[in-house]
Amino acid sequence: MAAESTIDICLCYIFARDPFVRYLLLDVLPFIVQQKSVRVRILIEQMVLEGEAIKMFFQGMQSMDTMTEGGRVDSSAANNNKSKKDADWLNSFRSKLPPNCPPFIKAEKAIHSSVGLIREVMKESSKYPHNPIHIKYWFARDKNSKYRIKSHVKCHVFDGNRARGMAVAGGSNFAPRCGSTDCDFLIGGRIANMYQQLFDKMFDSMAFLNPLNKSSKLDDSSSSVTTSTSSTLYSSNHSCPSSMMEVQDDFTPATAESRTREEQHLLFDLPSPVNNDKNTSKMTKIEWTDPSCKVSFLNSVPSSNGEDSILRCILGAIKTAEKSITMCMGHSNVPAVMRDTLAEASYRGVKVSLLMNSFYSCDLRNGQRDLFRSLMKLLEIAPSIELWVVTIPSRRGDYQGPLDSLVAPNEAPAFLHSKYVVVDSKWSAVGSWNLWTRAAFYEMEAEIFIHSTLVAASLEEKFDREKRQFATILQRPEDCIHYNPTGCSICHQFGPFFLDEGPTV
């Protein structure tokens, strides 16, 4: 609401059924551009929308506007957001709106697809003479192997080219979703400016798109996909470039030293999940100014050579650990180099604590087999590592039965979407980066590295709280077997990224 000139939003996913997302896009942004001359730019990963189109095609849908995010037909719009959990989340959100915010009006509309929501945003923008909201889709390919490069960068930048510019970034696309927790930060100064520079570079590399245009063709210029739908992701007059070879010249992987800067005296805003009964997460504001705080920014660009500059920096920090390593990863598959580095740290007497999702909590289940095979190997070579895994209440050590618990024994736990690492209670890595091979080859990321005991303490407190709320400890390699599904055809095409054979169930 305080933005004076620009609002820039970079998203990987856009969840049309989330009331917070609809409120921001349909109520807040139009309100801001109406009140003052603010330019709004939104960059969305195109592959996510193509996934919706593919689901729609195979299900014989006639319009994206009637499809849910999961690809299923919702025959009644009246059923949207009617579950108790969604209703609790919505009521909590509306009750905590700050003063001077616009009313919650257009967000009440039932919208079941990302493309349908984007189309509504463009309709709102077209009501104003200067059409102040501009949307582009990120469409990129590896320069050498030509496979698609996904933007996993999540950030909101406000007046980023000004001295008082701010950025909200981390793991969330907009904010932690109902049923999940996340980790985001509010940052200013030169780091916010660097987020702005990254956004500008990515946005300017893409062609303008027109979701209002309707066509029968969904054209990926290198391999056309024709559907029988009445929707299109972009206008035939504004098609995406056939490859990113020209752009990739500007997105070559950089060393940490060449892309790193420091900023002092920063203000952070970290999320704190509460109300475990409903598995919801709300933002709790934690403010401080740490005179000794130093922050570095790093944008990691994947490529077919497999270089992951963020992983390299985190490995370097872990190798210097003397007392403790704390790690929580929303998505993960522990590569051999990380496994061996963590094991070496544990041999030195460093306390290593990991918090991971399982198929009970993770929204991307087809990578769970690889994850738990890699964790089994980790516990085999480093049995002193403390491994916490999110699970259902009946499998947690403190669960005493339905009469002694506020949740059902098989109720789905929260999805821990946070991605952070803390070393020796003073160095932290936070951002969009996940510990898996996809970050090296397929997904563009943005991370900050923070030297601050205050930030580290807040993240460690979050780790301890969530492991008690949602997880159980696995002490032996064989404990991983329950979480190591045999998998199915959809799982096998995801990997395997971990090739060692192991027991399955």
Protein backbone atom coordinates (compact mmCIF):
# COMPACT_ATOMS: atom_id res chain seq x y z
CA MET A 1 0.00 0.00 0.00
CA ALA A 2 2.98 2.33 0.54
CA ALA A 3 4.51 1.75 -2.90
CA GLU A 4 5.07 5.03 -4.72
CA SER A 5 6.20 4.11 -8.23
CA THR A 6 6.61 0.39 -8.95
CA ILE A 7 5.41 -3.02 -7.79
CA ASP A 8 7.12 -6.02 -9.38
CA ILE A 9 6.03 -9.60 -8.61
CA CYS A 10 7.84 -12.76 -9.69
CA LEU A 11 5.92 -16.01 -9.19
CA CYS A 12 6.47 -19.66 -9.91
CA TYR A 13 2.91 -20.75 -9.04
CA ILE A 14 -0.32 -18.81 -8.91
CA PHE A 15 -3.14 -20.42 -6.93
CA ALA A 16 -6.46 -19.13 -8.17
CA ARG A 17 -8.45 -20.77 -5.37
CA ASP A 18 -6.43 -19.05 -2.65
CA PRO A 19 -8.47 -16.07 -1.37
CA PHE A 20 -5.31 -14.17 -0.46
CA VAL A 21 -4.05 -14.40 -4.05
CA ARG A 22 -7.39 -13.28 -5.47
CA TYR A 23 -7.56 -10.41 -3.00
CA LEU A 24 -4.09 -9.14 -3.88
CA LEU A 25 -4.60 -9.38 -7.63
CA LEU A 26 -8.24 -8.34 -7.97
CA ASP A 27 -8.79 -5.93 -5.07
CA VAL A 28 -5.47 -4.55 -3.82
CA LEU A 29 -3.55 -3.96 -7.05
CA PRO A 30 -6.46 -2.25 -8.88
CA PHE A 31 -7.05 -0.12 -5.78
CA ILE A 32 -3.40 0.99 -5.72
CA VAL A 33 -3.18 1.84 -9.42
CA GLN A 34 -6.43 3.78 -9.12
CA GLN A 35 -5.19 5.83 -6.18
CA LYS A 36 -1.73 6.69 -7.53
CA SER A 37 0.42 6.24 -10.63
CA VAL A 38 2.06 2.95 -9.74
CA ARG A 39 3.29 0.61 -12.46
CA VAL A 40 2.69 -3.09 -11.74
CA ARG A 41 4.58 -5.89 -13.49
CA ILE A 42 4.01 -9.61 -12.90
CA LEU A 43 6.22 -12.43 -14.19
CA ILE A 44 4.75 -15.94 -14.01
CA GLU A 45 6.37 -19.29 -14.83
CA GLN A 46 4.66 -20.51 -18.00
CA MET A 47 5.17 -24.26 -17.47
CA VAL A 48 2.71 -24.20 -14.56
CA LEU A 49 0.00 -22.82 -16.83
CA GLU A 50 0.90 -25.29 -19.56
CA GLY A 51 0.35 -28.04 -17.00
CA GLU A 52 -3.21 -26.82 -16.54
CA ALA A 53 -3.72 -26.80 -20.29
CA ILE A 54 -2.47 -30.38 -20.59
CA LYS A 55 -4.79 -31.58 -17.83
CA MET A 56 -7.63 -29.77 -19.52
CA PHE A 57 -6.82 -31.37 -22.87
CA PHE A 58 -6.75 -34.93 -21.55
CA GLN A 59 -9.98 -34.44 -19.65
CA GLY A 60 -11.76 -33.02 -22.67
CA MET A 61 -12.46 -29.70 -21.02
CA GLN A 62 -13.94 -26.87 -23.04
CA SER A 63 -12.65 -24.00 -20.94
CA MET A 64 -9.91 -23.46 -18.38
CA ASP A 65 -12.27 -21.29 -16.39
CA THR A 66 -14.16 -24.35 -15.14
CA MET A 67 -11.13 -26.39 -14.10
CA THR A 68 -9.66 -26.66 -10.64
CA GLU A 69 -5.95 -26.36 -9.93
CA GLY A 70 -5.65 -30.12 -9.60
CA GLY A 71 -7.08 -30.61 -13.08
CA ARG A 72 -10.46 -31.86 -11.87
CA VAL A 73 -13.79 -30.44 -12.90
CA ASP A 74 -15.58 -28.49 -10.20
CA SER A 75 -19.20 -28.84 -11.23
CA SER A 76 -20.42 -26.24 -8.79
CA ALA A 77 -18.72 -22.90 -8.20
CA ALA A 78 -20.67 -22.68 -4.96
CA ASN A 79 -18.43 -25.41 -3.54
CA ASN A 80 -15.36 -23.21 -3.82
CA ASN A 81 -13.61 -22.59 -0.47
CA LYS A 82 -16.41 -24.22 1.51
CA SER A 83 -14.31 -26.60 3.54
CA LYS A 84 -13.87 -25.72 7.19
CA LYS A 85 -10.15 -25.33 6.81
CA ASP A 86 -10.47 -22.91 3.92
CA ALA A 87 -13.18 -21.00 5.74
CA ASP A 88 -11.04 -20.67 8.88
CA TRP A 89 -8.12 -19.47 6.80
CA LEU A 90 -10.27 -16.92 4.99
CA ASN A 91 -11.83 -15.56 8.18
CA SER A 92 -8.45 -15.25 9.85
CA PHE A 93 -7.00 -13.47 6.85
CA ARG A 94 -9.86 -11.00 6.56
CA SER A 95 -9.76 -10.20 10.28
CA LYS A 96 -6.08 -9.24 10.09
CA LEU A 97 -6.17 -6.83 7.16
CA PRO A 98 -4.28 -3.64 8.05
CA PRO A 99 -6.01 -0.24 8.04
CA ASN A 100 -6.67 1.54 4.74
CA CYS A 101 -6.85 -1.69 2.75
CA PRO A 102 -9.59 -2.00 0.14
CA PRO A 103 -12.60 -4.17 1.00
CA PHE A 104 -12.64 -7.86 0.18
CA ILE A 105 -15.00 -7.73 -2.85
CA LYS A 106 -13.75 -9.08 -6.18
CA ALA A 107 -11.82 -11.81 -4.37
CA GLU A 108 -15.17 -13.38 -3.48
CA LYS A 109 -15.55 -14.47 -7.08
CA ALA A 110 -14.99 -18.20 -7.65
CA ILE A 111 -12.09 -18.72 -10.06
CA HIS A 112 -10.74 -22.22 -10.62
CA SER A 113 -7.72 -21.83 -12.87
CA SER A 114 -4.60 -19.70 -13.02
CA VAL A 115 -5.33 -18.57 -16.57
CA GLY A 116 -8.85 -17.59 -15.55
CA LEU A 117 -7.46 -15.48 -12.71
CA ILE A 118 -4.88 -13.81 -14.97
CA ARG A 119 -7.61 -12.99 -17.43
CA GLU A 120 -9.59 -11.30 -14.66
CA VAL A 121 -6.53 -9.26 -13.68
CA MET A 122 -6.08 -8.09 -17.26
CA LYS A 123 -9.74 -7.14 -17.43
CA GLU A 124 -9.32 -5.02 -14.31
CA SER A 125 -6.23 -3.36 -15.76
CA SER A 126 -7.97 -2.59 -19.05
CA LYS A 127 -10.47 -0.40 -17.18
CA TYR A 128 -7.79 2.25 -16.74
CA PRO A 129 -6.56 4.42 -19.66
CA HIS A 130 -2.87 3.70 -19.06
CA ASN A 131 -3.40 -0.08 -18.55
CA PRO A 132 -1.05 -0.12 -15.54
CA ILE A 133 -0.75 -3.88 -14.89
CA HIS A 134 1.60 -5.75 -17.22
CA ILE A 135 1.94 -9.54 -17.22
CA LYS A 136 4.55 -11.75 -18.86
CA TYR A 137 5.25 -15.47 -18.72
CA TRP A 138 8.74 -16.83 -18.15
CA PHE A 139 9.73 -19.13 -21.03
CA ALA A 140 13.37 -20.24 -21.20
CA ARG A 141 15.56 -23.02 -22.55
CA ASP A 142 19.06 -24.22 -21.74
CA LYS A 143 21.41 -22.72 -24.29
CA ASN A 144 23.16 -26.00 -25.11
CA SER A 145 20.66 -28.82 -24.52
CA LYS A 146 17.52 -26.77 -25.30
CA TYR A 147 15.44 -28.20 -22.44
CA ARG A 148 13.17 -25.87 -20.51
CA ILE A 149 14.53 -23.77 -17.64
CA LYS A 150 12.03 -23.06 -14.90
CA SER A 151 11.95 -19.85 -12.87
CA HIS A 152 11.58 -20.79 -9.21
CA VAL A 153 12.34 -17.23 -8.06
CA LYS A 154 9.70 -15.77 -5.74
CA CYS A 155 9.82 -12.07 -4.87
CA HIS A 156 7.73 -8.93 -4.50
CA VAL A 157 9.75 -5.75 -5.05
CA PHE A 158 8.38 -2.34 -4.11
CA ASP A 159 10.10 0.79 -5.46
CA GLY A 160 13.21 -1.37 -5.90
CA ASN A 161 15.15 1.30 -7.80
CA ARG A 162 14.73 3.81 -4.98
CA ALA A 163 16.82 4.23 -1.87
CA ARG A 164 13.92 3.16 0.36
CA GLY A 165 12.88 0.26 -1.85
CA MET A 166 11.85 -3.02 -0.21
CA ALA A 167 11.55 -6.64 -1.27
CA VAL A 168 9.61 -9.56 0.16
CA ALA A 169 11.15 -12.86 -0.93
CA GLY A 170 11.72 -16.43 0.18
CA GLY A 171 9.75 -19.61 -0.36
CA SER A 172 6.19 -18.32 -0.76
CA ASN A 173 4.64 -17.32 -4.06
CA PHE A 174 2.38 -14.82 -2.31
CA ALA A 175 2.21 -16.03 1.29
CA PRO A 176 2.11 -19.38 3.11
CA ARG A 177 -0.95 -21.28 1.93
CA CYS A 178 -3.60 -22.86 4.10
CA GLY A 179 -2.17 -26.13 5.37
CA SER A 180 1.47 -25.15 4.96
CA THR A 181 4.23 -23.14 6.61
CA ASP A 182 6.92 -21.14 4.88
CA CYS A 183 9.82 -18.78 5.44
CA ASP A 184 9.96 -15.32 3.88
CA PHE A 185 11.83 -12.12 4.62
CA LEU A 186 11.37 -8.38 4.17
CA ILE A 187 14.58 -6.65 3.17
CA GLY A 188 15.67 -3.22 2.01
CA GLY A 189 18.74 -1.36 0.80
CA ARG A 190 21.05 -2.70 -1.87
CA ILE A 191 19.75 -6.27 -1.56
CA ALA A 192 16.24 -5.09 -2.52
CA ASN A 193 17.84 -3.25 -5.42
CA MET A 194 19.54 -6.48 -6.52
CA TYR A 195 16.20 -8.30 -6.47
CA GLN A 196 14.90 -5.44 -8.62
CA GLN A 197 17.79 -5.84 -11.08
CA LEU A 198 17.15 -9.58 -11.32
CA PHE A 199 13.45 -9.00 -11.93
CA ASP A 200 14.15 -6.34 -14.58
CA LYS A 201 16.53 -8.66 -16.42
CA MET A 202 14.11 -11.56 -16.41
CA PHE A 203 11.03 -9.47 -17.28
CA ASP A 204 12.73 -7.56 -20.09
CA SER A 205 13.86 -10.86 -21.64
CA MET A 206 10.28 -11.97 -22.24
CA ALA A 207 7.69 -10.83 -24.76
CA PHE A 208 4.46 -9.18 -23.65
CA LEU A 209 1.49 -11.52 -23.46
CA ASN A 210 -2.22 -11.15 -23.81
CA PRO A 211 -4.28 -13.65 -21.78
CA LEU A 212 -7.48 -11.96 -22.99
CA ASN A 213 -6.86 -13.24 -26.48
CA LYS A 214 -8.58 -16.53 -27.27
CA SER A 215 -7.38 -19.07 -29.77
CA SER A 216 -7.52 -22.78 -30.43
CA LYS A 217 -3.75 -23.14 -30.33
CA LEU A 218 -1.38 -23.37 -27.41
CA ASP A 219 1.89 -22.76 -29.24
CA ASP A 220 5.22 -23.74 -27.79
CA SER A 221 7.16 -22.52 -30.80
CA SER A 222 9.63 -25.39 -30.75
CA SER A 223 7.00 -28.13 -30.38
CA SER A 224 3.46 -27.05 -31.05
CA VAL A 225 0.77 -28.46 -28.81
CA THR A 226 -2.68 -28.08 -30.27
CA THR A 227 -5.73 -28.41 -28.05
CA SER A 228 -9.44 -28.13 -28.56
CA THR A 229 -9.77 -25.45 -25.92
CA SER A 230 -10.97 -21.90 -26.20
CA SER A 231 -8.11 -20.56 -24.07
CA THR A 232 -4.55 -19.60 -24.84
CA LEU A 233 -1.61 -18.69 -22.68
CA TYR A 234 -0.44 -15.95 -24.99
CA SER A 235 -1.52 -14.18 -28.11
CA SER A 236 -0.32 -15.42 -31.48
CA ASN A 237 0.74 -11.82 -32.13
CA HIS A 238 2.97 -11.80 -29.03
CA SER A 239 4.41 -15.30 -28.99
CA CYS A 240 7.29 -16.24 -26.75
CA PRO A 241 10.75 -16.58 -28.32
CA SER A 242 11.45 -20.02 -29.79
CA SER A 243 14.51 -20.39 -27.59
CA MET A 244 16.36 -18.52 -24.90
CA MET A 245 19.74 -18.78 -26.62
CA GLU A 246 20.01 -15.01 -26.99
CA VAL A 247 18.88 -14.44 -23.42
CA GLN A 248 21.01 -17.23 -22.00
CA ASP A 249 24.09 -15.29 -23.01
CA ASP A 250 23.11 -12.85 -20.29
CA PHE A 251 22.15 -15.57 -17.81
CA THR A 252 25.38 -17.55 -17.69
CA PRO A 253 26.18 -19.02 -14.27
CA ALA A 254 28.29 -16.69 -12.14
CA THR A 255 30.60 -17.35 -9.26
CA ALA A 256 29.40 -16.50 -5.79
CA GLU A 257 32.02 -13.76 -5.54
CA SER A 258 30.85 -11.99 -8.70
CA ARG A 259 27.18 -11.99 -7.68
CA THR A 260 27.51 -11.35 -3.94
CA ARG A 261 27.00 -8.07 -2.10
CA GLU A 262 26.71 -7.09 1.54
CA GLU A 263 24.14 -4.92 3.25
CA GLN A 264 24.03 -3.85 6.90
CA HIS A 265 21.34 -2.69 9.32
CA LEU A 266 18.49 -4.66 7.80
CA LEU A 267 14.92 -5.23 8.89
CA PHE A 268 13.51 -8.75 8.55
CA ASP A 269 9.99 -10.07 8.71
CA LEU A 270 9.84 -13.80 9.26
CA PRO A 271 6.70 -15.95 9.38
CA SER A 272 5.67 -17.79 12.50
CA PRO A 273 3.08 -20.56 12.17
CA VAL A 274 0.41 -20.73 14.84
CA ASN A 275 -2.93 -22.45 15.32
CA ASN A 276 -1.67 -25.97 14.77
CA ASP A 277 -5.20 -27.35 15.15
CA LYS A 278 -6.13 -26.09 11.71
CA ASN A 279 -2.69 -26.53 10.13
CA THR A 280 -2.67 -22.90 9.11
CA SER A 281 0.17 -20.44 9.14
CA LYS A 282 -0.05 -16.73 9.84
CA MET A 283 2.54 -14.02 9.57
CA THR A 284 4.00 -12.82 12.85
CA LYS A 285 6.06 -9.68 12.59
CA ILE A 286 9.51 -9.83 14.15
CA GLU A 287 11.48 -6.60 13.82
CA TRP A 288 15.02 -5.78 14.76
CA THR A 289 18.02 -3.84 13.56
CA ASP A 290 21.21 -5.86 13.90
CA PRO A 291 24.26 -3.57 13.60
CA SER A 292 26.51 -6.56 12.87
CA CYS A 293 24.22 -8.11 10.26
CA LYS A 294 25.67 -8.71 6.81
CA VAL A 295 23.67 -10.08 3.90
CA SER A 296 24.79 -11.50 0.56
CA PHE A 297 22.56 -12.09 -2.48
CA LEU A 298 23.05 -14.85 -5.03
CA ASN A 299 21.02 -15.73 -8.11
CA SER A 300 21.66 -19.29 -9.27
CA VAL A 301 21.10 -20.08 -12.94
CA PRO A 302 20.78 -23.77 -13.91
CA SER A 303 22.35 -25.19 -17.02
CA SER A 304 23.29 -28.48 -18.61
CA ASN A 305 26.73 -28.32 -16.97
CA GLY A 306 25.04 -28.89 -13.59
CA GLU A 307 26.70 -26.00 -11.74
CA ASP A 308 24.75 -24.94 -8.62
CA SER A 309 26.37 -21.84 -7.13
CA ILE A 310 23.98 -21.74 -4.16
CA LEU A 311 24.78 -25.35 -3.27
CA ARG A 312 28.47 -24.53 -3.52
CA CYS A 313 28.12 -21.67 -1.03
CA ILE A 314 26.11 -23.76 1.45
CA LEU A 315 28.58 -26.63 1.23
CA GLY A 316 31.37 -24.16 1.98
CA ALA A 317 29.56 -22.93 5.09
CA ILE A 318 28.86 -26.48 6.30
CA LYS A 319 32.54 -27.41 5.90
CA THR A 320 33.44 -24.62 8.34
CA ALA A 321 30.80 -25.62 10.94
CA GLU A 322 32.14 -26.09 14.46
CA LYS A 323 29.02 -26.60 16.60
CA SER A 324 25.73 -27.05 14.74
CA ILE A 325 24.00 -27.35 11.37
CA THR A 326 20.23 -26.93 11.14
CA MET A 327 18.45 -27.52 7.84
CA CYS A 328 14.81 -27.52 6.71
CA MET A 329 13.97 -28.17 3.07
CA GLY A 330 10.53 -28.00 1.46
CA HIS A 331 11.67 -30.29 -1.36
CA SER A 332 14.80 -32.36 -1.20
CA ASN A 333 16.86 -35.23 -2.49
CA VAL A 334 20.18 -35.28 -0.66
CA PRO A 335 22.92 -35.48 -3.32
CA ALA A 336 26.08 -37.45 -2.58
CA VAL A 337 28.21 -34.33 -2.14
CA MET A 338 25.86 -32.96 0.53
CA ARG A 339 25.51 -36.38 2.17
CA ASP A 340 29.27 -36.73 2.50
CA THR A 341 29.73 -33.15 3.71
CA LEU A 342 27.08 -33.56 6.43
CA ALA A 343 28.61 -36.90 7.45
CA GLU A 344 32.07 -35.33 7.74
CA ALA A 345 30.62 -32.57 9.92
CA SER A 346 29.01 -35.13 12.23
CA TYR A 347 32.37 -36.97 12.50
CA ARG A 348 33.90 -33.67 13.73
CA GLY A 349 31.35 -33.57 16.54
CA VAL A 350 29.04 -31.03 14.90
CA LYS A 351 25.36 -31.50 15.76
CA VAL A 352 23.50 -31.98 12.47
CA SER A 353 19.69 -31.63 12.53
CA LEU A 354 17.50 -32.06 9.43
CA LEU A 355 13.74 -31.52 9.00
CA MET A 356 12.16 -33.04 5.88
CA ASN A 357 8.70 -33.58 4.47
CA SER A 358 7.31 -37.01 3.64
CA PHE A 359 4.53 -38.26 1.37
CA TYR A 360 2.16 -37.43 4.24
CA SER A 361 2.85 -33.71 3.87
CA CYS A 362 4.62 -32.93 0.59
CA ASP A 363 2.52 -31.64 -2.31
CA LEU A 364 4.97 -33.20 -4.78
CA ARG A 365 4.96 -36.87 -3.89
CA ASN A 366 6.70 -38.36 -6.90
CA GLY A 367 10.14 -37.47 -5.53
CA GLN A 368 9.68 -39.11 -2.14
CA ARG A 369 11.23 -42.43 -3.13
CA ASP A 370 14.49 -40.75 -4.13
CA LEU A 371 14.44 -38.59 -1.01
CA PHE A 372 14.15 -41.43 1.49
CA ARG A 373 16.63 -43.64 -0.30
CA SER A 374 19.13 -40.81 -0.01
CA LEU A 375 18.23 -40.31 3.67
CA MET A 376 18.69 -44.02 4.35
CA LYS A 377 22.19 -43.81 2.92
CA LEU A 378 22.88 -40.71 5.02
CA LEU A 379 21.88 -42.47 8.25
CA GLU A 380 23.93 -45.51 7.29
CA ILE A 381 27.17 -43.53 7.07
CA ALA A 382 26.33 -40.92 9.73
CA PRO A 383 24.01 -42.46 12.36
CA SER A 384 24.49 -39.55 14.78
CA ILE A 385 22.61 -37.14 12.48
CA GLU A 386 19.26 -36.04 13.89
CA LEU A 387 16.67 -36.64 11.15
CA TRP A 388 13.13 -35.32 11.68
CA VAL A 389 10.40 -36.28 9.20
CA VAL A 390 6.91 -34.79 8.97
CA THR A 391 4.28 -37.46 9.52
CA ILE A 392 0.71 -38.08 10.64
CA PRO A 393 -0.06 -37.61 14.37
CA SER A 394 -0.36 -41.33 15.12
CA ARG A 395 3.26 -41.85 14.08
CA ARG A 396 4.69 -39.05 16.22
CA GLY A 397 6.37 -40.01 19.46
CA ASP A 398 4.23 -37.73 21.63
CA TYR A 399 0.88 -38.91 20.23
CA GLN A 400 -1.27 -40.52 22.95
CA GLY A 401 -4.38 -41.39 20.98
CA PRO A 402 -7.45 -39.52 19.74
CA LEU A 403 -8.73 -38.74 23.26
CA ASP A 404 -5.47 -37.04 24.14
CA SER A 405 -5.01 -35.10 20.94
CA LEU A 406 -6.69 -32.15 19.26
CA VAL A 407 -6.18 -33.68 15.83
CA ALA A 408 -7.29 -36.96 14.28
CA PRO A 409 -4.67 -39.74 14.25
CA ASN A 410 -4.45 -39.74 10.44
CA GLU A 411 -4.99 -36.04 9.79
CA ALA A 412 -2.63 -34.65 7.16
CA PRO A 413 0.17 -32.64 8.75
CA ALA A 414 1.32 -29.23 7.57
CA PHE A 415 3.45 -29.03 4.45
CA LEU A 416 6.74 -27.41 5.51
CA HIS A 417 7.58 -25.37 2.43
CA SER A 418 10.42 -23.47 4.15
CA LYS A 419 13.95 -23.66 2.75
CA TYR A 420 16.72 -22.58 5.12
CA VAL A 421 20.08 -23.63 6.54
CA VAL A 422 21.68 -22.35 9.76
CA VAL A 423 25.35 -22.93 10.64
CA ASP A 424 26.79 -22.39 14.14
CA SER A 425 23.79 -20.22 15.12
CA LYS A 426 25.17 -17.25 13.22
CA TRP A 427 25.14 -17.93 9.44
CA SER A 428 21.90 -18.59 7.55
CA ALA A 429 20.79 -19.26 3.99
CA VAL A 430 17.16 -18.43 3.13
CA GLY A 431 15.30 -18.15 -0.16
CA SER A 432 13.69 -20.20 -2.92
CA TRP A 433 16.46 -22.82 -3.26
CA ASN A 434 15.69 -26.50 -2.60
CA LEU A 435 18.31 -29.17 -1.94
CA TRP A 436 17.86 -31.32 -5.02
CA THR A 437 19.35 -31.88 -8.45
CA ARG A 438 16.65 -29.85 -10.18
CA ALA A 439 18.22 -26.66 -8.80
CA ALA A 440 21.43 -27.41 -10.69
CA PHE A 441 19.90 -28.31 -14.05
CA TYR A 442 16.33 -27.01 -14.31
CA GLU A 443 15.34 -24.27 -11.84
CA MET A 444 16.49 -20.67 -11.48
CA GLU A 445 16.73 -19.63 -7.81
CA ALA A 446 17.44 -16.59 -5.64
CA GLU A 447 18.99 -16.88 -2.16
CA ILE A 448 20.34 -14.62 0.55
CA PHE A 449 23.11 -15.51 2.99
CA ILE A 450 22.87 -13.77 6.36
CA HIS A 451 25.50 -13.28 9.05
CA SER A 452 23.34 -12.51 12.10
CA THR A 453 22.85 -14.32 15.39
CA LEU A 454 19.37 -12.80 15.69
CA VAL A 455 18.21 -14.19 12.33
CA ALA A 456 19.81 -17.54 13.06
CA ALA A 457 18.11 -17.75 16.46
CA SER A 458 14.72 -17.03 14.90
CA LEU A 459 15.18 -19.76 12.29
CA GLU A 460 16.38 -22.27 14.89
CA GLU A 461 13.34 -21.49 17.04
CA LYS A 462 11.12 -22.08 14.01
CA PHE A 463 12.88 -25.40 13.38
CA ASP A 464 12.44 -26.58 16.99
CA ARG A 465 8.79 -25.54 17.08
CA GLU A 466 7.84 -27.24 13.83
CA LYS A 467 9.70 -30.47 14.52
CA ARG A 468 7.72 -30.78 17.76
CA GLN A 469 4.43 -29.91 16.07
CA PHE A 470 4.64 -31.96 12.90
CA ALA A 471 7.52 -34.45 12.89
CA THR A 472 8.97 -37.63 14.32
CA ILE A 473 12.65 -38.57 14.58
CA LEU A 474 14.12 -41.41 12.51
CA GLN A 475 17.11 -42.92 14.29
CA ARG A 476 17.96 -45.92 12.11
CA PRO A 477 18.25 -46.33 8.34
CA GLU A 478 15.47 -48.94 8.38
CA ASP A 479 13.12 -46.34 9.92
CA CYS A 480 13.04 -44.74 6.47
CA ILE A 481 11.42 -47.81 4.91
CA HIS A 482 7.89 -46.76 5.87
CA TYR A 483 8.40 -43.46 4.04
CA ASN A 484 10.02 -45.08 1.01
CA PRO A 485 7.14 -45.94 -1.34
CA THR A 486 7.62 -48.34 -4.20
CA GLY A 487 6.29 -45.70 -6.53
CA CYS A 488 4.44 -45.93 -9.81
CA SER A 489 4.94 -44.95 -13.43
CA ILE A 490 4.56 -41.25 -12.65
CA CYS A 491 7.36 -41.49 -10.06
CA HIS A 492 9.86 -43.17 -12.36
CA GLN A 493 9.75 -40.43 -14.97
CA PHE A 494 10.72 -37.95 -12.26
CA GLY A 495 14.04 -39.70 -11.61
CA PRO A 496 15.76 -41.63 -10.36
CA PHE A 497 18.21 -39.01 -9.14
CA PHE A 498 19.44 -41.40 -6.45
CA LEU A 499 20.58 -44.60 -8.12
CA ASP A 500 21.57 -46.82 -5.20
CA GLU A 501 19.12 -49.67 -4.75
CA GLY A 502 17.44 -49.96 -1.39
CA PRO A 503 14.49 -51.67 0.28
CA THR A 504 11.04 -50.44 -0.65
CA VAL A 505 7.53 -51.10 0.59
